[in-house]
């Protein structure tokens, strides 16, 4: 793949999932996995619910996993039309560390396996059953959060990729390889790997399984996956392509930290095209990211009411060192 060619899509921007218990979610992702909470805000479409962002130390696109924690919602089921697994990239030499850490904190995980001949990975779940993986590799040059509970030499670098259950494989693949700038880089059985660059943070694995039942949203499932685009010009080009192919994208929506366009791809997965900027420091300093509840301007006048109905959150990463 020629990475020198200018692309409209440059990898994964963020992945957003649903949770049912806010404090358990915070403890798992900031404590056990050692990610930094970089933004504590609300669902802009439902301000009575948090929108929590976890990432590397700076909130770099390609490292950002976010959650809508709806207290008391039903458990979801994974199936077609969803991102079924979110994969994180960790150093190759960290395997023994993570096995020991997961045992220490009671995390369910599978035996280490390989795919594509040499890719070493370990599947696990969070407390609510969200499908996750660690992929152990020596190809990731991104820097982790240096001040978290996991030593930097073992810490998560960002996403490795995402696994999508494809009900309409041919159409889904054609979309990715069209104006979304992905190329087929590997195949293993019914797993087809697409990427904008053959490197961690770019991989989207389509699993061709047309007879599998569709999933249902709820805690433990992914809500949507967002792809990176450099700015508004490239976003507009992708949106025009999507619209021309009858996929009904939304107008551009201001999400404060990026601009977004949403649509459902042919297999039913909710895709988002998100700009790299302006980033997470538009309303907080880098050193204090995630420490305060940040509200967009349209909700600032309702702050007292919103704070009263949101559950309290306690950060306690020292217990996870």
C-alpha atoms as a PDB file:
ATOM      1  CA  UNK A   1       0.000   0.000   0.000  1.00  0.00           C
ATOM      2  CA  UNK A   2       1.322   3.419  -0.961  1.00  0.00           C
ATOM      3  CA  UNK A   3       0.928   5.526   2.198  1.00  0.00           C
ATOM      4  CA  UNK A   4       2.186   8.617   0.335  1.00  0.00           C
ATOM      5  CA  UNK A   5      -1.114   8.948  -1.540  1.00  0.00           C
ATOM      6  CA  UNK A   6      -3.392  11.500   0.103  1.00  0.00           C
ATOM      7  CA  UNK A   7      -6.405   9.761   1.591  1.00  0.00           C
ATOM      8  CA  UNK A   8      -9.806  10.914   2.760  1.00  0.00           C
ATOM      9  CA  UNK A   9      -9.945   8.168   5.409  1.00  0.00           C
ATOM     10  CA  UNK A  10      -6.783   7.502   7.421  1.00  0.00           C
ATOM     11  CA  UNK A  11      -7.795   4.841   9.955  1.00  0.00           C
ATOM     12  CA  UNK A  12     -10.055   4.426  12.971  1.00  0.00           C
ATOM     13  CA  UNK A  13     -10.918   7.604  14.886  1.00  0.00           C
ATOM     14  CA  UNK A  14     -12.921   6.219  17.818  1.00  0.00           C
ATOM     15  CA  UNK A  15     -15.268   3.421  18.789  1.00  0.00           C
ATOM     16  CA  UNK A  16     -18.348   4.030  20.946  1.00  0.00           C
ATOM     17  CA  UNK A  17     -20.051   1.336  23.029  1.00  0.00           C
ATOM     18  CA  UNK A  18     -22.919   1.016  25.491  1.00  0.00           C
ATOM     19  CA  UNK A  19     -22.534   0.281  29.193  1.00  0.00           C
ATOM     20  CA  UNK A  20     -24.963  -0.372  32.045  1.00  0.00           C
ATOM     21  CA  UNK A  21     -22.936   0.585  35.119  1.00  0.00           C
ATOM     22  CA  UNK A  22     -21.004   3.839  35.085  1.00  0.00           C
ATOM     23  CA  UNK A  23     -18.584   3.222  37.952  1.00  0.00           C
ATOM     24  CA  UNK A  24     -17.748  -0.319  36.820  1.00  0.00           C
ATOM     25  CA  UNK A  25     -16.993   1.108  33.389  1.00  0.00           C
ATOM     26  CA  UNK A  26     -14.663   3.764  34.809  1.00  0.00           C
ATOM     27  CA  UNK A  27     -12.874   1.250  37.045  1.00  0.00           C
ATOM     28  CA  UNK A  28     -12.281  -1.227  34.239  1.00  0.00           C
ATOM     29  CA  UNK A  29     -10.992   1.135  31.569  1.00  0.00           C
ATOM     30  CA  UNK A  30      -8.984   3.552  33.725  1.00  0.00           C
ATOM     31  CA  UNK A  31      -7.966   0.976  36.318  1.00  0.00           C
ATOM     32  CA  UNK A  32      -7.573  -2.472  34.807  1.00  0.00           C
ATOM     33  CA  UNK A  33      -6.724  -1.407  31.239  1.00  0.00           C
ATOM     34  CA  UNK A  34      -4.892   1.744  32.320  1.00  0.00           C
ATOM     35  CA  UNK A  35      -6.388   4.156  29.802  1.00  0.00           C
ATOM     36  CA  UNK A  36      -6.711   7.832  30.588  1.00  0.00           C
ATOM     37  CA  UNK A  37     -10.143   9.383  30.968  1.00  0.00           C
ATOM     38  CA  UNK A  38      -9.686  12.296  28.602  1.00  0.00           C
ATOM     39  CA  UNK A  39     -13.226  13.646  28.555  1.00  0.00           C
ATOM     40  CA  UNK A  40     -16.199  13.499  30.881  1.00  0.00           C
ATOM     41  CA  UNK A  41     -19.163  14.984  29.085  1.00  0.00           C
ATOM     42  CA  UNK A  42     -22.731  14.027  28.168  1.00  0.00           C
ATOM     43  CA  UNK A  43     -24.424  12.364  25.242  1.00  0.00           C
ATOM     44  CA  UNK A  44     -25.149  15.441  23.111  1.00  0.00           C
ATOM     45  CA  UNK A  45     -28.423  13.824  21.977  1.00  0.00           C
ATOM     46  CA  UNK A  46     -29.432  12.722  25.497  1.00  0.00           C
ATOM     47  CA  UNK A  47     -27.771  14.973  28.109  1.00  0.00           C
ATOM     48  CA  UNK A  48     -29.040  12.937  31.055  1.00  0.00           C
ATOM     49  CA  UNK A  49     -26.427  10.296  30.188  1.00  0.00           C
ATOM     50  CA  UNK A  50     -22.644  10.557  30.375  1.00  0.00           C
ATOM     51  CA  UNK A  51     -20.387  10.292  27.381  1.00  0.00           C
ATOM     52  CA  UNK A  52     -17.058   9.027  28.723  1.00  0.00           C
ATOM     53  CA  UNK A  53     -13.895   9.040  26.619  1.00  0.00           C
ATOM     54  CA  UNK A  54     -10.859   6.838  27.334  1.00  0.00           C
ATOM     55  CA  UNK A  55      -7.644   7.050  25.327  1.00  0.00           C
ATOM     56  CA  UNK A  56      -3.894   7.519  25.423  1.00  0.00           C
ATOM     57  CA  UNK A  57      -2.463  10.482  27.296  1.00  0.00           C
ATOM     58  CA  UNK A  58      -3.434  13.059  24.672  1.00  0.00           C
ATOM     59  CA  UNK A  59      -6.676  11.736  23.229  1.00  0.00           C
ATOM     60  CA  UNK A  60      -5.056  10.884  19.914  1.00  0.00           C
ATOM     61  CA  UNK A  61      -7.489   9.733  17.208  1.00  0.00           C
ATOM     62  CA  UNK A  62      -7.069   5.991  16.868  1.00  0.00           C
ATOM     63  CA  UNK A  63      -6.838   5.468  20.627  1.00  0.00           C
ATOM     64  CA  UNK A  64     -10.254   6.702  21.769  1.00  0.00           C
ATOM     65  CA  UNK A  65     -12.846   4.292  23.156  1.00  0.00           C
ATOM     66  CA  UNK A  66     -16.006   5.989  24.377  1.00  0.00           C
ATOM     67  CA  UNK A  67     -19.114   4.878  26.252  1.00  0.00           C
ATOM     68  CA  UNK A  68     -22.706   5.861  26.806  1.00  0.00           C
ATOM     69  CA  UNK A  69     -23.415   4.316  30.247  1.00  0.00           C
ATOM     70  CA  UNK A  70     -27.188   3.933  30.516  1.00  0.00           C
ATOM     71  CA  UNK A  71     -27.855   2.765  34.048  1.00  0.00           C
ATOM     72  CA  UNK A  72     -30.214  -0.225  34.044  1.00  0.00           C
ATOM     73  CA  UNK A  73     -30.435  -0.899  30.304  1.00  0.00           C
ATOM     74  CA  UNK A  74     -30.767  -4.451  29.030  1.00  0.00           C
ATOM     75  CA  UNK A  75     -27.832  -6.598  28.038  1.00  0.00           C
ATOM     76  CA  UNK A  76     -27.143  -6.538  24.320  1.00  0.00           C
ATOM     77  CA  UNK A  77     -26.404  -9.464  22.044  1.00  0.00           C
ATOM     78  CA  UNK A  78     -23.602  -9.514  19.522  1.00  0.00           C
ATOM     79  CA  UNK A  79     -24.380 -10.393  15.926  1.00  0.00           C
ATOM     80  CA  UNK A  80     -24.452  -9.178  12.365  1.00  0.00           C
ATOM     81  CA  UNK A  81     -24.692  -5.450  11.868  1.00  0.00           C
ATOM     82  CA  UNK A  82     -22.249  -4.697  14.673  1.00  0.00           C
ATOM     83  CA  UNK A  83     -18.618  -4.232  15.559  1.00  0.00           C
ATOM     84  CA  UNK A  84     -18.189  -7.427  17.576  1.00  0.00           C
ATOM     85  CA  UNK A  85     -14.618  -6.986  18.858  1.00  0.00           C
ATOM     86  CA  UNK A  86     -12.406  -3.992  19.576  1.00  0.00           C
ATOM     87  CA  UNK A  87      -8.683  -4.766  19.477  1.00  0.00           C
ATOM     88  CA  UNK A  88      -5.979  -2.864  21.352  1.00  0.00           C
ATOM     89  CA  UNK A  89      -2.307  -2.804  20.390  1.00  0.00           C
ATOM     90  CA  UNK A  90       0.241  -3.688  23.093  1.00  0.00           C
ATOM     91  CA  UNK A  91       3.971  -4.507  22.994  1.00  0.00           C
ATOM     92  CA  UNK A  92       4.925  -8.057  22.065  1.00  0.00           C
ATOM     93  CA  UNK A  93       6.852  -8.549  25.312  1.00  0.00           C
ATOM     94  CA  UNK A  94       3.845  -7.624  27.469  1.00  0.00           C
ATOM     95  CA  UNK A  95       1.987 -10.934  27.136  1.00  0.00           C
ATOM     96  CA  UNK A  96       2.969 -12.392  30.507  1.00  0.00           C
ATOM     97  CA  UNK A  97       2.258  -9.061  32.197  1.00  0.00           C
ATOM     98  CA  UNK A  98      -1.317  -8.904  30.892  1.00  0.00           C
ATOM     99  CA  UNK A  99      -2.058 -12.518  31.745  1.00  0.00           C
ATOM    100  CA  UNK A 100      -0.955 -11.862  35.317  1.00  0.00           C
ATOM    101  CA  UNK A 101      -2.859  -8.553  35.479  1.00  0.00           C
ATOM    102  CA  UNK A 102      -6.081 -10.105  34.232  1.00  0.00           C
ATOM    103  CA  UNK A 103      -5.841 -12.901  36.785  1.00  0.00           C
ATOM    104  CA  UNK A 104      -5.223 -10.348  39.525  1.00  0.00           C
ATOM    105  CA  UNK A 105      -8.374  -8.395  38.691  1.00  0.00           C
ATOM    106  CA  UNK A 106     -10.607 -11.313  37.759  1.00  0.00           C
ATOM    107  CA  UNK A 107     -10.873 -10.562  34.042  1.00  0.00           C
ATOM    108  CA  UNK A 108     -12.117 -13.421  31.884  1.00  0.00           C
ATOM    109  CA  UNK A 109      -9.717 -14.084  29.011  1.00  0.00           C
ATOM    110  CA  UNK A 110      -9.034 -16.804  26.463  1.00  0.00           C
ATOM    111  CA  UNK A 111      -5.810 -18.606  25.722  1.00  0.00           C
ATOM    112  CA  UNK A 112      -3.387 -16.794  23.434  1.00  0.00           C
ATOM    113  CA  UNK A 113      -4.002 -17.610  19.784  1.00  0.00           C
ATOM    114  CA  UNK A 114      -2.629 -16.721  16.352  1.00  0.00           C
ATOM    115  CA  UNK A 115      -4.216 -15.665  13.073  1.00  0.00           C
ATOM    116  CA  UNK A 116      -2.888 -14.676   9.676  1.00  0.00           C
ATOM    117  CA  UNK A 117       0.049 -16.974  10.412  1.00  0.00           C
ATOM    118  CA  UNK A 118       1.837 -14.817  12.983  1.00  0.00           C
ATOM    119  CA  UNK A 119      -0.518 -12.330  14.662  1.00  0.00           C
ATOM    120  CA  UNK A 120      -0.625 -13.092  18.403  1.00  0.00           C
ATOM    121  CA  UNK A 121      -3.768 -12.047  20.264  1.00  0.00           C
ATOM    122  CA  UNK A 122      -5.752 -12.685  23.425  1.00  0.00           C
ATOM    123  CA  UNK A 123      -9.529 -12.244  23.566  1.00  0.00           C
ATOM    124  CA  UNK A 124     -11.221 -11.005  26.748  1.00  0.00           C
ATOM    125  CA  UNK A 125     -14.314  -9.134  27.929  1.00  0.00           C
ATOM    126  CA  UNK A 126     -15.014  -6.216  30.205  1.00  0.00           C
ATOM    127  CA  UNK A 127     -17.342  -6.614  33.195  1.00  0.00           C
ATOM    128  CA  UNK A 128     -20.398  -6.308  30.953  1.00  0.00           C
ATOM    129  CA  UNK A 129     -19.344  -8.646  28.180  1.00  0.00           C
ATOM    130  CA  UNK A 130     -17.976  -6.212  25.589  1.00  0.00           C
ATOM    131  CA  UNK A 131     -15.759  -8.117  23.155  1.00  0.00           C
ATOM    132  CA  UNK A 132     -12.134  -6.981  23.395  1.00  0.00           C
ATOM    133  CA  UNK A 133      -8.684  -8.171  22.360  1.00  0.00           C
ATOM    134  CA  UNK A 134      -5.063  -7.416  23.028  1.00  0.00           C
ATOM    135  CA  UNK A 135      -2.858  -7.861  19.960  1.00  0.00           C
ATOM    136  CA  UNK A 136       0.804  -8.352  20.887  1.00  0.00           C
ATOM    137  CA  UNK A 137       3.153  -6.846  18.305  1.00  0.00           C
ATOM    138  CA  UNK A 138       6.414  -4.952  17.834  1.00  0.00           C
ATOM    139  CA  UNK A 139       5.200  -2.717  14.984  1.00  0.00           C
ATOM    140  CA  UNK A 140       3.477   0.039  16.955  1.00  0.00           C
ATOM    141  CA  UNK A 141       5.527   3.203  17.490  1.00  0.00           C
ATOM    142  CA  UNK A 142       2.752   5.212  19.188  1.00  0.00           C
ATOM    143  CA  UNK A 143       3.369   6.378  22.735  1.00  0.00           C
ATOM    144  CA  UNK A 144       1.123   5.197  25.593  1.00  0.00           C
ATOM    145  CA  UNK A 145      -0.084   7.184  28.565  1.00  0.00           C
ATOM    146  CA  UNK A 146       2.978   7.423  30.771  1.00  0.00           C
ATOM    147  CA  UNK A 147       1.157   8.315  34.033  1.00  0.00           C
ATOM    148  CA  UNK A 148      -1.384   5.510  34.239  1.00  0.00           C
ATOM    149  CA  UNK A 149      -1.429   2.403  36.441  1.00  0.00           C
ATOM    150  CA  UNK A 150       0.132   0.214  33.718  1.00  0.00           C
ATOM    151  CA  UNK A 151       3.889   0.678  33.159  1.00  0.00           C
ATOM    152  CA  UNK A 152       4.550   2.343  29.785  1.00  0.00           C
ATOM    153  CA  UNK A 153       6.582  -0.628  28.550  1.00  0.00           C
ATOM    154  CA  UNK A 154       3.432  -2.775  28.734  1.00  0.00           C
ATOM    155  CA  UNK A 155       0.675  -0.210  28.212  1.00  0.00           C
ATOM    156  CA  UNK A 156      -1.921   0.044  25.448  1.00  0.00           C
ATOM    157  CA  UNK A 157      -0.753   2.093  22.467  1.00  0.00           C
ATOM    158  CA  UNK A 158      -4.176   2.595  20.890  1.00  0.00           C
ATOM    159  CA  UNK A 159      -6.451   0.530  18.727  1.00  0.00           C
ATOM    160  CA  UNK A 160      -5.078  -2.298  16.664  1.00  0.00           C
ATOM    161  CA  UNK A 161      -8.314  -2.722  14.750  1.00  0.00           C
ATOM    162  CA  UNK A 162     -11.963  -3.695  14.833  1.00  0.00           C
ATOM    163  CA  UNK A 163     -13.896  -6.803  13.867  1.00  0.00           C
ATOM    164  CA  UNK A 164     -17.146  -6.230  11.965  1.00  0.00           C
ATOM    165  CA  UNK A 165     -19.792  -8.931  11.497  1.00  0.00           C
ATOM    166  CA  UNK A 166     -20.840  -8.480   7.883  1.00  0.00           C
ATOM    167  CA  UNK A 167     -24.314  -9.497   6.761  1.00  0.00           C
ATOM    168  CA  UNK A 168     -23.718  -8.114   3.260  1.00  0.00           C
ATOM    169  CA  UNK A 169     -20.020  -8.816   2.774  1.00  0.00           C
ATOM    170  CA  UNK A 170     -19.632  -7.881  -0.888  1.00  0.00           C
ATOM    171  CA  UNK A 171     -21.374  -4.523  -0.484  1.00  0.00           C
ATOM    172  CA  UNK A 172     -19.570  -3.749   2.789  1.00  0.00           C
ATOM    173  CA  UNK A 173     -16.190  -4.562   1.239  1.00  0.00           C
ATOM    174  CA  UNK A 174     -16.945  -2.465  -1.850  1.00  0.00           C
ATOM    175  CA  UNK A 175     -17.766   0.519   0.351  1.00  0.00           C
ATOM    176  CA  UNK A 176     -14.498   0.243   2.272  1.00  0.00           C
ATOM    177  CA  UNK A 177     -12.399  -0.094  -0.879  1.00  0.00           C
ATOM    178  CA  UNK A 178     -14.196   2.750  -2.615  1.00  0.00           C
ATOM    179  CA  UNK A 179     -14.033   6.301  -1.360  1.00  0.00           C
ATOM    180  CA  UNK A 180     -13.185   5.027   2.154  1.00  0.00           C
ATOM    181  CA  UNK A 181      -9.629   4.303   0.976  1.00  0.00           C
ATOM    182  CA  UNK A 182      -9.225   0.779   2.400  1.00  0.00           C
ATOM    183  CA  UNK A 183      -7.369  -2.046   0.692  1.00  0.00           C
ATOM    184  CA  UNK A 184      -7.684  -5.782   1.269  1.00  0.00           C
ATOM    185  CA  UNK A 185      -4.403  -6.681   2.988  1.00  0.00           C
ATOM    186  CA  UNK A 186      -5.006 -10.229   4.296  1.00  0.00           C
ATOM    187  CA  UNK A 187      -7.484 -13.104   4.412  1.00  0.00           C
ATOM    188  CA  UNK A 188      -7.844 -15.984   6.872  1.00  0.00           C
ATOM    189  CA  UNK A 189     -10.881 -18.183   6.182  1.00  0.00           C
ATOM    190  CA  UNK A 190     -13.984 -15.981   6.313  1.00  0.00           C
ATOM    191  CA  UNK A 191     -11.996 -13.114   7.887  1.00  0.00           C
ATOM    192  CA  UNK A 192     -11.018 -10.416   5.406  1.00  0.00           C
ATOM    193  CA  UNK A 193      -8.726  -7.649   6.629  1.00  0.00           C
ATOM    194  CA  UNK A 194      -8.968  -4.172   5.161  1.00  0.00           C
ATOM    195  CA  UNK A 195      -6.781  -1.199   6.052  1.00  0.00           C
ATOM    196  CA  UNK A 196      -5.902   2.323   5.012  1.00  0.00           C
ATOM    197  CA  UNK A 197      -2.285   1.526   5.926  1.00  0.00           C
ATOM    198  CA  UNK A 198      -0.796  -1.807   6.918  1.00  0.00           C
ATOM    199  CA  UNK A 199      -0.200  -0.756  10.513  1.00  0.00           C
ATOM    200  CA  UNK A 200      -1.921  -0.844  13.931  1.00  0.00           C
ATOM    201  CA  UNK A 201      -4.854   1.505  14.225  1.00  0.00           C
ATOM    202  CA  UNK A 202      -5.983   0.962  10.645  1.00  0.00           C
ATOM    203  CA  UNK A 203      -7.333  -2.586  10.495  1.00  0.00           C
ATOM    204  CA  UNK A 204     -10.973  -3.438   9.881  1.00  0.00           C
ATOM    205  CA  UNK A 205     -11.706  -7.165   9.729  1.00  0.00           C
ATOM    206  CA  UNK A 206     -14.943  -8.105   7.967  1.00  0.00           C
ATOM    207  CA  UNK A 207     -16.230 -11.540   8.962  1.00  0.00           C
ATOM    208  CA  UNK A 208     -18.330 -12.942   6.140  1.00  0.00           C
ATOM    209  CA  UNK A 209     -21.160 -14.819   7.863  1.00  0.00           C
ATOM    210  CA  UNK A 210     -24.453 -14.061   6.104  1.00  0.00           C
ATOM    211  CA  UNK A 211     -26.506 -16.595   8.089  1.00  0.00           C
ATOM    212  CA  UNK A 212     -25.636 -15.242  11.542  1.00  0.00           C
ATOM    213  CA  UNK A 213     -28.452 -13.485  13.399  1.00  0.00           C
ATOM    214  CA  UNK A 214     -28.367  -9.732  13.754  1.00  0.00           C
ATOM    215  CA  UNK A 215     -27.254  -8.324  17.097  1.00  0.00           C
ATOM    216  CA  UNK A 216     -29.339  -6.209  19.432  1.00  0.00           C
ATOM    217  CA  UNK A 217     -28.094  -3.084  21.177  1.00  0.00           C
ATOM    218  CA  UNK A 218     -27.614  -2.957  24.919  1.00  0.00           C
ATOM    219  CA  UNK A 219     -24.781  -2.976  27.407  1.00  0.00           C
ATOM    220  CA  UNK A 220     -21.818  -4.981  26.216  1.00  0.00           C
ATOM    221  CA  UNK A 221     -22.222  -3.987  22.555  1.00  0.00           C
ATOM    222  CA  UNK A 222     -20.689  -1.391  20.261  1.00  0.00           C
ATOM    223  CA  UNK A 223     -22.920   1.495  19.181  1.00  0.00           C
ATOM    224  CA  UNK A 224     -20.797   2.724  16.262  1.00  0.00           C
ATOM    225  CA  UNK A 225     -17.318   2.953  14.796  1.00  0.00           C
ATOM    226  CA  UNK A 226     -15.860   6.258  13.607  1.00  0.00           C
ATOM    227  CA  UNK A 227     -13.279   6.610  10.861  1.00  0.00           C
ATOM    228  CA  UNK A 228     -10.690   9.388  10.739  1.00  0.00           C
ATOM    229  CA  UNK A 229     -10.678  12.079   8.111  1.00  0.00           C
ATOM    230  CA  UNK A 230      -8.180  14.974   8.161  1.00  0.00           C
ATOM    231  CA  UNK A 231     -10.674  17.838   7.946  1.00  0.00           C
ATOM    232  CA  UNK A 232     -13.910  19.265   6.616  1.00  0.00           C
ATOM    233  CA  UNK A 233     -12.845  19.129   2.949  1.00  0.00           C
ATOM    234  CA  UNK A 234     -12.046  15.429   3.001  1.00  0.00           C
ATOM    235  CA  UNK A 235     -15.130  14.737   5.092  1.00  0.00           C
ATOM    236  CA  UNK A 236     -17.275  16.468   2.487  1.00  0.00           C
ATOM    237  CA  UNK A 237     -15.797  14.300  -0.255  1.00  0.00           C
ATOM    238  CA  UNK A 238     -16.589  11.122   1.656  1.00  0.00           C
ATOM    239  CA  UNK A 239     -20.092  12.350   2.473  1.00  0.00           C
ATOM    240  CA  UNK A 240     -20.773  13.133  -1.183  1.00  0.00           C
ATOM    241  CA  UNK A 241     -19.653   9.620  -2.174  1.00  0.00           C
ATOM    242  CA  UNK A 242     -21.849   8.042   0.493  1.00  0.00           C
ATOM    243  CA  UNK A 243     -24.852  10.091  -0.537  1.00  0.00           C
ATOM    244  CA  UNK A 244     -24.313   9.324  -4.214  1.00  0.00           C
ATOM    245  CA  UNK A 245     -24.413   5.615  -3.394  1.00  0.00           C
ATOM    246  CA  UNK A 246     -27.740   5.849  -1.601  1.00  0.00           C
ATOM    247  CA  UNK A 247     -26.555   5.394   1.994  1.00  0.00           C
ATOM    248  CA  UNK A 248     -28.277   8.513   3.409  1.00  0.00           C
ATOM    249  CA  UNK A 249     -25.581  10.264   5.465  1.00  0.00           C
ATOM    250  CA  UNK A 250     -26.577  12.811   8.093  1.00  0.00           C
ATOM    251  CA  UNK A 251     -25.628  16.464   7.743  1.00  0.00           C
ATOM    252  CA  UNK A 252     -22.351  17.432   9.402  1.00  0.00           C
ATOM    253  CA  UNK A 253     -22.930  17.477  13.171  1.00  0.00           C
ATOM    254  CA  UNK A 254     -20.786  19.460  15.606  1.00  0.00           C
ATOM    255  CA  UNK A 255     -19.521  17.163  18.374  1.00  0.00           C
ATOM    256  CA  UNK A 256     -17.364  19.892  19.977  1.00  0.00           C
ATOM    257  CA  UNK A 257     -14.138  17.858  19.684  1.00  0.00           C
ATOM    258  CA  UNK A 258     -14.676  16.797  16.057  1.00  0.00           C
ATOM    259  CA  UNK A 259     -17.206  17.172  13.271  1.00  0.00           C
ATOM    260  CA  UNK A 260     -19.237  14.070  12.420  1.00  0.00           C
ATOM    261  CA  UNK A 261     -21.255  12.491   9.643  1.00  0.00           C
ATOM    262  CA  UNK A 262     -23.182   9.261  10.346  1.00  0.00           C
ATOM    263  CA  UNK A 263     -24.658   6.582   8.085  1.00  0.00           C
ATOM    264  CA  UNK A 264     -25.392   2.870   8.087  1.00  0.00           C
ATOM    265  CA  UNK A 265     -23.212   0.785   5.831  1.00  0.00           C
ATOM    266  CA  UNK A 266     -24.870  -1.921   3.683  1.00  0.00           C
ATOM    267  CA  UNK A 267     -24.632  -4.571   6.418  1.00  0.00           C
ATOM    268  CA  UNK A 268     -26.316  -2.367   9.020  1.00  0.00           C
ATOM    269  CA  UNK A 269     -23.281  -1.202  11.025  1.00  0.00           C
ATOM    270  CA  UNK A 270     -23.448   2.443  12.100  1.00  0.00           C
ATOM    271  CA  UNK A 271     -20.422   4.247  10.659  1.00  0.00           C
ATOM    272  CA  UNK A 272     -19.221   7.746  11.469  1.00  0.00           C
ATOM    273  CA  UNK A 273     -16.774   9.945   9.597  1.00  0.00           C
ATOM    274  CA  UNK A 274     -15.045  12.143  12.207  1.00  0.00           C
ATOM    275  CA  UNK A 275     -12.511  14.922  11.658  1.00  0.00           C
ATOM    276  CA  UNK A 276      -9.181  14.814  13.474  1.00  0.00           C
ATOM    277  CA  UNK A 277      -9.723  18.283  14.920  1.00  0.00           C
ATOM    278  CA  UNK A 278     -10.250  20.447  16.766  1.00  0.00           C
ATOM    279  CA  UNK A 279      -9.393  17.889  19.473  1.00  0.00           C
ATOM    280  CA  UNK A 280      -9.982  17.457  23.187  1.00  0.00           C
ATOM    281  CA  UNK A 281      -8.124  20.543  24.423  1.00  0.00           C
ATOM    282  CA  UNK A 282     -10.694  23.015  23.098  1.00  0.00           C
ATOM    283  CA  UNK A 283     -12.298  23.221  26.550  1.00  0.00           C
ATOM    284  CA  UNK A 284      -9.657  21.772  28.918  1.00  0.00           C
ATOM    285  CA  UNK A 285      -5.902  21.989  29.323  1.00  0.00           C
ATOM    286  CA  UNK A 286      -3.950  18.868  28.410  1.00  0.00           C
ATOM    287  CA  UNK A 287      -2.834  18.260  31.996  1.00  0.00           C
ATOM    288  CA  UNK A 288      -6.415  18.305  33.315  1.00  0.00           C
ATOM    289  CA  UNK A 289      -8.260  16.358  30.625  1.00  0.00           C
ATOM    290  CA  UNK A 290     -11.198  14.398  31.990  1.00  0.00           C
ATOM    291  CA  UNK A 291     -11.199  15.939  35.453  1.00  0.00           C
ATOM    292  CA  UNK A 292     -14.345  18.087  35.146  1.00  0.00           C
ATOM    293  CA  UNK A 293     -17.758  17.637  33.589  1.00  0.00           C
ATOM    294  CA  UNK A 294     -17.585  19.476  30.296  1.00  0.00           C
ATOM    295  CA  UNK A 295     -20.845  20.529  28.672  1.00  0.00           C
ATOM    296  CA  UNK A 296     -21.402  21.877  25.168  1.00  0.00           C
ATOM    297  CA  UNK A 297     -22.744  25.456  25.041  1.00  0.00           C
ATOM    298  CA  UNK A 298     -26.339  24.373  24.429  1.00  0.00           C
ATOM    299  CA  UNK A 299     -26.457  22.581  27.802  1.00  0.00           C
ATOM    300  CA  UNK A 300     -24.393  24.918  29.971  1.00  0.00           C
ATOM    301  CA  UNK A 301     -27.534  26.693  31.223  1.00  0.00           C
ATOM    302  CA  UNK A 302     -28.841  23.342  32.485  1.00  0.00           C
ATOM    303  CA  UNK A 303     -25.649  22.369  34.318  1.00  0.00           C
ATOM    304  CA  UNK A 304     -27.167  22.202  37.816  1.00  0.00           C
ATOM    305  CA  UNK A 305     -29.974  19.903  36.640  1.00  0.00           C
ATOM    306  CA  UNK A 306     -27.640  17.687  34.597  1.00  0.00           C
ATOM    307  CA  UNK A 307     -25.123  17.326  37.423  1.00  0.00           C
ATOM    308  CA  UNK A 308     -27.942  16.416  39.815  1.00  0.00           C
ATOM    309  CA  UNK A 309     -29.161  13.476  37.711  1.00  0.00           C
ATOM    310  CA  UNK A 310     -25.803  12.046  36.621  1.00  0.00           C
ATOM    311  CA  UNK A 311     -24.278   9.406  38.935  1.00  0.00           C
ATOM    312  CA  UNK A 312     -21.105  10.347  40.788  1.00  0.00           C
ATOM    313  CA  UNK A 313     -17.840   9.045  39.365  1.00  0.00           C
ATOM    314  CA  UNK A 314     -14.743   8.219  41.387  1.00  0.00           C
ATOM    315  CA  UNK A 315     -11.329   7.804  39.770  1.00  0.00           C
ATOM    316  CA  UNK A 316      -9.115   5.465  41.772  1.00  0.00           C
ATOM    317  CA  UNK A 317      -6.223   4.364  39.566  1.00  0.00           C
ATOM    318  CA  UNK A 318      -3.867   3.980  42.540  1.00  0.00           C
ATOM    319  CA  UNK A 319      -5.674   0.783  43.511  1.00  0.00           C
ATOM    320  CA  UNK A 320      -4.755  -0.676  40.115  1.00  0.00           C
ATOM    321  CA  UNK A 321      -1.013  -0.034  40.139  1.00  0.00           C
END
